[in-house]
Amino acid sequence: MTELESWLGPWVIKYRWLIIILSLLFVFAAASGGRFLVFKADYRVFFSGDNPQLQAFDKLENTYSKNDNVLFVLTPKDGSVFTRETLKVIETLTEKAWQIPYSTRVDSISNFQHTYAEGDDLIVEDLVTDADKLTNAELEKIRNIAINEPLLKQRLVSPSGHVTSVSATISLPNIDQTKEVPEVVNFARKIADEIRLLAPDLDVRLTGMVPMNNAFAESAQGDMASLVPLSFAVMFVMLLILLKSFSNTFGTILVIFMSILTGMGLGGYIGFPLTGPSVSSMTIILTVAVANSVHVLTTFIHEMRGGKEKNNAIIETLRINLQPVLLASATTMVGFLTMNFSEVPPFRHLGNFVAMGVVASFILSVTFLPALISVLPVRVKVVEDDSDKLMVKLGDFVVRKQKQLIWAMGILIITLVIFVPKNELNDVFVHYFDETIQFRLDSDYIDKNLTGLYIIEYSLESGEEGGISEPGYLNEVEKFANWYRQQPETRHVNIYTEVIKRLNKNMHGDDKEWMKIPDERNLAAQYLLMYEMSLPYGLDLNNQININKSALRMTVSIQTLSSNEILELEKRAQNWISENAEFIKAADGTGPTVMFAHIGQRNINSMLLGTTLALILISGILIFAFRSFKTGLISMVPNLVPAAMGFGLWGLFVGEVGLALSVVTTMTLGIVVDDTVHFLSKYLRAKREYGYTAENAVRYAFTHVGRALLTTSIVLMAGFMVLAQSHFALNSGMGMLTAIIIAFALLADFFFLPPLLMKLEKQI
C-alpha cells in the first residue's frame, strides 16, 4: 500500500487528461444501462419467489381467481345511498367499471344477484334495475334487503346505508406491469371524474389493491423527481459553504453525479427494478459519495494553505488519503452488500445499487477528481498557521477530559440502550404512504366508513370432490365464519354458506325458518347447480368455489391493523381450526395482509445474519489494514454503539420498528465506520510516522481529519434528512433513523473513541 500511495499521485498528474476522458467514457457506458431501469408497480415485488406466504397466496389465486381490485367508494351528500339518483349512478358506474382494462368481474348493490321464490320457481335477478323508475316502496324494499344481506352489509354498503362501493376485479396479464397498472388506474380515475361530473352531490373515492400497487410506483417516481434534485441542491449549497471553493464544489458534485449514473446504470444492466425503497439508492449514493471527495479536498486545501504547489498538494493528498478512503469505501460497500441477506428484494436491490455507486465514488475520487482539480483554476491563500482552531480546542478538551468523557459517554450509551427493547416490530402497510397520498386518505376513509381494506383469505378444503355440499362440512364452515364475525377486528366475512342458506330458504317458499344449511348433500348440490345456471356472465361462483367443488374460499375483511395484531388474529383462527374442525381438512390464512405481516419478522431474522457477517468482515478488513488485532476490535466499539443508541432513542420516542428499519443496522454499520477509519488512520500515522504519544496522536487526528469528519457527517445527516422528507414511510423512516445514527456516530468518534484509545494505549 505504501508504494501505491506514493505512486498514485504522480501517475494521476501525468495522465490527467487521459484519466478524465476515460472516466467520462466509462461513466457514459455504465449510465447507458439506465435505459433498462423500470418501475415495478406491484406489492409482490416485496416478496421473493421462495417466500412461503407468497407461494400460499399464488396457490389460492390459481385455485380460484385473482382478487386484485379497483374499489370505487361513493358517499352521497344527503346521507342515503337508497335514492333514485344515487342508485341510478351506481347502475351507470357498474356498467362503466366493466370497461376498465383487464376487468373480469364487477360487484355492486345494483347487480347483486338477489334470489327469491315465485311459486315453484327460483328467481335470480339484479337487486336494482331502472333505478330512476323505482317507487318509494321499492326503494325501501331494496334498502331493507341490502343492509340486511350478509354478503353486502359492510362489504358493498354500510350498515346505515350512507356509503356504498363498486368493486371491479382486475386480472392483469403481468406482461408489462409498468404499463398495465397505470393503464387500469388512469382509466378508473377517468371514470371517477365522469361520475363526479354526472353527480356533483356524490363524493367519489378510489382504493383497492391495484391503486395500492400504483401508489407504490407513483411514490417512487415522486421521490425521484423531488428528493434527488433537492438532495443535489442541499449538497451543493453545503459543500460551497464548507469547502469555500466553487471549483472544489463543482468537482465533488460531478463525482457524485457520475457515481449515481454508474451505480444505477450497472443495476439496469443487471436487471434490478426501481421500487419505492430502491429508488432511494440515488439519494443514498449521493450522500455517501460526498465523504470520499470531502476527505480528499480537505487535505488538498490544507496542503495548499501550507504553501505547496497545486500538483504537489495533490500528490501528498493522495499519499495521505488513499488508505483511509479505500478502507472507508470498502467497509461501506460491505455494509450495503450484506443487505443481500434481506428477505425483501427491493432492499437487496438498494444495497447493490449503493455498493456499486460507492465503488465508483472511490475510483473517481482518487483518480478523476484530483485529475480534474489539477486542470481547474484553484485559488487557495497561503497562511503561516493553518491550524484549525476549533479542532485544536476540541482535541485539547478531549485529552484533558478523557476520564470524564468515558464516564459521560458510557452513561449516555447505557441509558439509551435500555430503551432498545421498547421497540416493537410492527408494520401497517397502508401506512407506508403518508397522508399527502390520496390512496392513503381514501383507504383510511373506507376503513372508517364501510369495510376493511385488509383481507385474510382461506381455502377451506373438504378433502373430497363435491365435498362442499356435505352438510357437516358446510355447517363447520358456517361456524368458522361466525367465529370470525364475532372477532372485534372483523368487518365482513364473504363465504358461500350465505348463498346456500338463502337458496334453501327460497326453495321452501322464502320461509325464514329454512334460512339454514340444507340437511341433505344431494339437495345442497342441486340448489348450487340451479343457482349457477341462473347467474349472468361474469358473476359466477368461480371466485369462491374450486373446479372440482372440494374447497371454498373464505374472504375476511378486517380493520386496519398492525402486523403483530394480524398475526395474533390469524393465530387465534388457527387455534379454532385445530380445536373444532372435523370436516375442514386445511385452512391456512393467506393474502397480501398476511404476507406483509410475516415479512417484517422474517427480514429481522435474516438481517441479523447479515449484520453479523458485516461486522466480521469489517473487523477483518480493519485488523488487516491497521496491522493490529486490538485496534481493529477497538474500532468496532464506536461503530456498534451508534446503532444501539439510535434504536434506543427511537424506542423512547416512537417505539415501532417496521420493515425498512430492520435493515438500518446493517446499512449504517458500513456508513458510520468511515469516520472511525479516518480518525484511526490519522491517529496511527501520528504514532507510527512521527512517534507521537497517544495524547498528541489524538490531537493530531483532530487537527488533520476532525474538520473533514464534521463536514462529512453534517452532509450525510443532511442527505438522509432529505430522504426523511419522502412521502413513502419506508424511505422516510429509514432516512430519519440513519441520520440519527450518523449523529451519534460523530459523537462517539469525537468523545468516546479518543478517550478509549488513550485509556487502552498501554495494551495497544
Foldseek 3Di string as FASTA:
>chain_A
DLVCLLPLLVVLQVCLVVLQVVLVVLLVVLLVLLVLAAEFLAPCLQFDPPQPQVVVVVVLCVQFHDQFKKKKKKFFLVQACLALLNLVLVVVLQVLLCVQPQFQFKDALQFPFDWFADPQDIDTGGLHDNSNPDDPVSSVVSLVCQLPQQQRDLPAADNSRRMGMMMTGGDDPPPDNSPRLVSRVVSVVVSQVVSCVVPVRMDIAIATRSVSSVVFRVLLVVCLVPLLVVLLVVQLVLCCVQLVWNLLSVLLSVLLVSLLSNLSSNLSVVNQYGTNLQSCLSLVLSQLLNLLSLQLSLQLLLVVLQPDDNSVSNSVSSSQCVLLLVLLLVLLLLLLCLLCLFSTSSSNSSSSSNNSSSVSSSVCSSRNSSSSVVPDDDDHHHDNDPWDVVLLVLLVVCLVCLVVLQVVVVVLLVLLLVLLVLADAKDQPLQLFPPVDSNSVSQVVSLVGRFFSDKKKKKFFQPDQLSCLAQVSLVLVVVLLVVLVPDPFFSHKNWCSQVLLQLQCNSVNVDPVSSHRDPDSVVSVVSLVVVQVNDDRSPHCSNFAGDRRRIGMMMTIGHRDMLVVVVVVQVVSVVCCVVPDDRGDDIHIHDPSNSQSPSQVVRLVSVVVSQVVSLVVSLVSCCVSLVHNVLSVLLCVLLQSLLSSLSSVCSVPPNYDYNLNSSLSSNLSSNLSSLSSQLVSQLVCCCPVVVDALSVSSSRSSRSCVSSLVSSLVSSLVSLCSQLPRSRNSRNVSSNSSNSSSVSSNVCSSRPSSSVCNVCVVVD
